[in-house]
Each structure stands twice: as C-alpha cells, then as structure tokens.
C-alpha atoms as a PDB file:
ATOM      1  CA  MET A   1     -11.314  80.382 111.238  1.00  0.00           C
ATOM      2  CA  ASP A   2     -12.782  82.607 113.939  1.00  0.00           C
ATOM      3  CA  ASP A   3     -15.836  84.310 112.930  1.00  0.00           C
ATOM      4  CA  ASP A   4     -18.774  85.892 114.046  1.00  0.00           C
ATOM      5  CA  ALA A   5     -20.244  82.724 114.769  1.00  0.00           C
ATOM      6  CA  GLY A   6     -17.485  82.004 117.428  1.00  0.00           C
ATOM      7  CA  LYS A   7     -14.125  80.638 117.693  1.00  0.00           C
ATOM      8  CA  LEU A   8     -12.189  78.285 115.667  1.00  0.00           C
ATOM      9  CA  GLU A   9     -11.721  76.135 119.201  1.00  0.00           C
ATOM     10  CA  GLU A  10     -15.173  76.409 119.711  1.00  0.00           C
ATOM     11  CA  LYS A  11     -16.372  74.879 116.310  1.00  0.00           C
ATOM     12  CA  LEU A  12     -13.745  71.967 116.758  1.00  0.00           C
ATOM     13  CA  THR A  13     -16.459  69.270 117.672  1.00  0.00           C
ATOM     14  CA  GLU A  14     -18.952  70.234 115.173  1.00  0.00           C
ATOM     15  CA  ILE A  15     -15.849  69.670 112.331  1.00  0.00           C
ATOM     16  CA  VAL A  16     -14.868  66.575 113.751  1.00  0.00           C
ATOM     17  CA  ILE A  17     -18.267  65.173 113.971  1.00  0.00           C
ATOM     18  CA  GLY A  18     -19.174  66.748 110.357  1.00  0.00           C
ATOM     19  CA  LEU A  19     -15.716  64.691 109.180  1.00  0.00           C
ATOM     20  CA  ALA A  20     -16.918  61.672 110.872  1.00  0.00           C
ATOM     21  CA  ILE A  21     -20.228  62.054 109.206  1.00  0.00           C
ATOM     22  CA  VAL A  22     -18.572  62.421 105.643  1.00  0.00           C
ATOM     23  CA  SER A  23     -16.851  59.542 106.303  1.00  0.00           C
ATOM     24  CA  GLU A  24     -19.175  57.121 107.171  1.00  0.00           C
ATOM     25  CA  ARG A  25     -21.255  58.354 104.493  1.00  0.00           C
ATOM     26  CA  GLU A  26     -18.235  57.624 102.072  1.00  0.00           C
ATOM     27  CA  SER A  27     -17.527  54.274 103.676  1.00  0.00           C
ATOM     28  CA  ARG A  28     -21.251  53.256 103.255  1.00  0.00           C
ATOM     29  CA  ARG A  29     -21.510  54.291  99.508  1.00  0.00           C
ATOM     30  CA  TRP A  30     -18.156  52.402  98.759  1.00  0.00           C
ATOM     31  CA  GLN A  31     -19.411  49.308 100.417  1.00  0.00           C
ATOM     32  CA  ALA A  32     -22.694  49.558  98.543  1.00  0.00           C
ATOM     33  CA  GLU A  33     -20.294  50.055  95.457  1.00  0.00           C
ATOM     34  CA  MET A  34     -18.290  47.247  96.371  1.00  0.00           C
ATOM     35  CA  ALA A  35     -21.483  44.917  97.219  1.00  0.00           C
ATOM     36  CA  GLU A  36     -22.820  45.898  93.888  1.00  0.00           C
ATOM     37  CA  TRP A  37     -19.585  44.934  91.852  1.00  0.00           C
ATOM     38  CA  HIS A  38     -19.732  41.725  93.697  1.00  0.00           C
ATOM     39  CA  ARG A  39     -23.098  40.728  92.858  1.00  0.00           C
ATOM     40  CA  LYS A  40     -22.468  41.741  89.168  1.00  0.00           C
ATOM     41  CA  ARG A  41     -19.321  39.748  89.064  1.00  0.00           C
ATOM     42  CA  GLU A  42     -21.443  36.413  90.668  1.00  0.00           C
ATOM     43  CA  ALA A  43     -23.832  37.372  88.160  1.00  0.00           C
ATOM     44  CA  GLU A  44     -21.305  37.216  85.250  1.00  0.00           C
ATOM     45  CA  GLU A  45     -19.957  33.966  86.730  1.00  0.00           C
ATOM     46  CA  ALA A  46     -23.101  32.312  87.074  1.00  0.00           C
ATOM     47  CA  GLU A  47     -23.932  33.290  83.161  1.00  0.00           C
ATOM     48  CA  ALA A  48     -20.566  31.861  82.029  1.00  0.00           C
ATOM     49  CA  ARG A  49     -21.216  28.714  83.955  1.00  0.00           C
ATOM     50  CA  ARG A  50     -24.880  28.316  82.332  1.00  0.00           C
ATOM     51  CA  LYS A  51     -23.409  29.262  78.973  1.00  0.00           C
ATOM     52  CA  ALA A  52     -20.685  26.680  79.359  1.00  0.00           C
ATOM     53  CA  ARG A  53     -23.084  23.673  80.476  1.00  0.00           C
ATOM     54  CA  GLU A  54     -25.478  24.701  77.512  1.00  0.00           C
ATOM     55  CA  LYS A  55     -22.463  24.634  75.231  1.00  0.00           C
ATOM     56  CA  ALA A  56     -21.455  21.104  76.756  1.00  0.00           C
ATOM     57  CA  GLU A  57     -24.975  19.585  76.526  1.00  0.00           C
ATOM     58  CA  ARG A  58     -25.661  20.715  72.932  1.00  0.00           C
ATOM     59  CA  GLU A  59     -21.981  19.491  71.835  1.00  0.00           C
ATOM     60  CA  GLU A  60     -23.092  16.156  73.505  1.00  0.00           C
ATOM     61  CA  ARG A  61     -26.443  16.016  71.640  1.00  0.00           C
ATOM     62  CA  GLU A  62     -24.470  16.617  68.536  1.00  0.00           C
ATOM     63  CA  ARG A  63     -21.941  13.951  69.090  1.00  0.00           C
ATOM     64  CA  ILE A  64     -24.423  11.536  70.263  1.00  0.00           C
ATOM     65  CA  ALA A  65     -26.548  12.495  66.912  1.00  0.00           C
ATOM     66  CA  ALA A  66     -23.392  11.958  64.883  1.00  0.00           C
ATOM     67  CA  GLU A  67     -22.801   8.503  66.352  1.00  0.00           C
ATOM     68  CA  GLU A  68     -26.597   7.628  65.616  1.00  0.00           C
ATOM     69  CA  LYS A  69     -26.020   8.965  61.934  1.00  0.00           C
ATOM     70  CA  ALA A  70     -22.874   7.139  61.528  1.00  0.00           C
ATOM     71  CA  ARG A  71     -24.691   3.776  62.799  1.00  0.00           C
ATOM     72  CA  ARG A  72     -27.594   4.249  60.706  1.00  0.00           C
ATOM     73  CA  ASP A  73     -25.231   5.069  57.448  1.00  0.00           C
ATOM     74  CA  GLY A  74     -23.383   1.896  58.381  1.00  0.00           C
ATOM     75  CA  LEU A  75     -26.239  -0.273  58.709  1.00  0.00           C
ATOM     76  CA  ILE A  76     -27.619   1.020  55.200  1.00  0.00           C
ATOM     77  CA  THR A  77     -24.165   0.509  53.654  1.00  0.00           C
ATOM     78  CA  GLU A  78     -23.945  -3.081  55.052  1.00  0.00           C
ATOM     79  CA  ALA A  79     -27.497  -3.798  53.997  1.00  0.00           C
ATOM     80  CA  MET A  80     -26.793  -2.356  50.360  1.00  0.00           C
ATOM     81  CA  ASN A  81     -23.369  -4.590  49.894  1.00  0.00           C
ATOM     82  CA  TRP A  82     -25.798  -7.790  51.489  1.00  0.00           C
ATOM     83  CA  ARG A  83     -28.005  -6.904  48.782  1.00  0.00           C
ATOM     84  CA  SER A  84     -25.305  -6.518  46.066  1.00  0.00           C
ATOM     85  CA  ALA A  85     -23.706  -9.421  47.347  1.00  0.00           C
ATOM     86  CA  GLY A  86     -27.045 -11.558  46.709  1.00  0.00           C
ATOM     87  CA  LEU A  87     -27.884 -10.330  43.343  1.00  0.00           C
ATOM     88  CA  ILE A  88     -24.436 -11.005  41.923  1.00  0.00           C
ATOM     89  CA  ARG A  89     -24.536 -14.496  43.253  1.00  0.00           C
ATOM     90  CA  GLU A  90     -28.143 -14.860  41.737  1.00  0.00           C
ATOM     91  CA  TYR A  91     -26.579 -13.497  38.433  1.00  0.00           C
ATOM     92  CA  VAL A  92     -23.668 -15.906  38.488  1.00  0.00           C
ATOM     93  CA  GLU A  93     -26.037 -18.763  39.349  1.00  0.00           C
ATOM     94  CA  ALA A  94     -28.254 -17.800  36.295  1.00  0.00           C
ATOM     95  CA  ARG A  95     -25.371 -17.729  33.958  1.00  0.00           C
ATOM     96  CA  ARG A  96     -24.279 -21.141  34.847  1.00  0.00           C
ATOM     97  CA  THR A  97     -27.798 -22.649  35.155  1.00  0.00           C
ATOM     98  CA  SER A  98     -28.487 -20.822  31.425  1.00  0.00           C
ATOM     99  CA  GLN A  99     -28.894 -22.622  28.194  1.00  0.00           C
ATOM    100  CA  ILE A 100     -26.183 -19.920  26.581  1.00  0.00           C
ATOM    101  CA  THR A 101     -22.787 -21.206  25.705  1.00  0.00           C
ATOM    102  CA  GLN A 102     -20.568 -20.395  28.892  1.00  0.00           C
ATOM    103  CA  ALA A 103     -17.563 -18.371  27.206  1.00  0.00           C
ATOM    104  CA  PRO A 104     -14.358 -20.098  27.781  1.00  0.00           C
ATOM    105  CA  LYS A 105     -12.972 -18.621  30.695  1.00  0.00           C
ATOM    106  CA  PHE A 106     -16.750 -18.748  32.354  1.00  0.00           C
ATOM    107  CA  GLU A 107     -15.450 -20.409  35.528  1.00  0.00           C
ATOM    108  CA  ASP A 108     -12.270 -18.065  36.034  1.00  0.00           C
ATOM    109  CA  TRP A 109     -14.952 -14.977  35.774  1.00  0.00           C
ATOM    110  CA  ALA A 110     -17.148 -16.713  38.270  1.00  0.00           C
ATOM    111  CA  ARG A 111     -14.954 -17.234  40.829  1.00  0.00           C
ATOM    112  CA  TRP A 112     -13.698 -13.538  40.457  1.00  0.00           C
ATOM    113  CA  ALA A 113     -17.609 -11.951  40.677  1.00  0.00           C
ATOM    114  CA  LEU A 114     -18.118 -14.393  43.664  1.00  0.00           C
ATOM    115  CA  ALA A 115     -14.932 -13.400  45.286  1.00  0.00           C
ATOM    116  CA  VAL A 116     -16.209  -9.446  44.876  1.00  0.00           C
ATOM    117  CA  CYS A 117     -19.260 -10.500  46.578  1.00  0.00           C
END
C-alpha cells in the first residue's frame, strides 16, 4: 500500500526482487535437503548391503565349519566301527582257538558275531 516512502507501484520492482530472492533461497534449501536425504538413503543402502554381505559370509563360514565337523565326526565313527569290528574278529578267533570247550552252537554265534562287524 501507499505510504510515506512512496506509492505501491514504485515498490513493485523491490517486491518482485524480494520474492525472487526468497524463492531462490527456498529452492536452494529444498535442494540441500533433497541432497542430504539422497546421501542418507545411499548410506543406509550401502550399510544394508554391507550387513547382508557380512551375514552371507558368516553363514558360508558356518556352513563350511558344519560340513567339516560332519566329515570329522563321520571319520571318527568309521574308525571306531573299524576298531570295534577288528576287536570282534579277534574275540571270535580267540574263542575258536581257546582250550575252553565250545558251546554247542558256537559256530552259529560266531557267524552272527562276524556278520555284526
């Protein structure tokens, strides 16, 4: 409105320049906010990818360790079975060659014992 400083028509240029300055300032602020939002989003995505990669690597290490444990356990079981089978064979042979009178069905028992191993 008109005042002591002059008429409104004379102030239009200043008003338009002021609006342009405010508009430019708001546009830059919005662009800075958007750039910050994009930066945070990219950082969050990178962090999520890093965590997923670490999880996959950890799961792979755990899988390999479990496979190795299963192999080791299987080997130990096989070795123990081999030792037990040898012990059974030795025992049957010792009973065969002993001076102790053989039970009437010893050979049936011996065949069964040797089939177990």
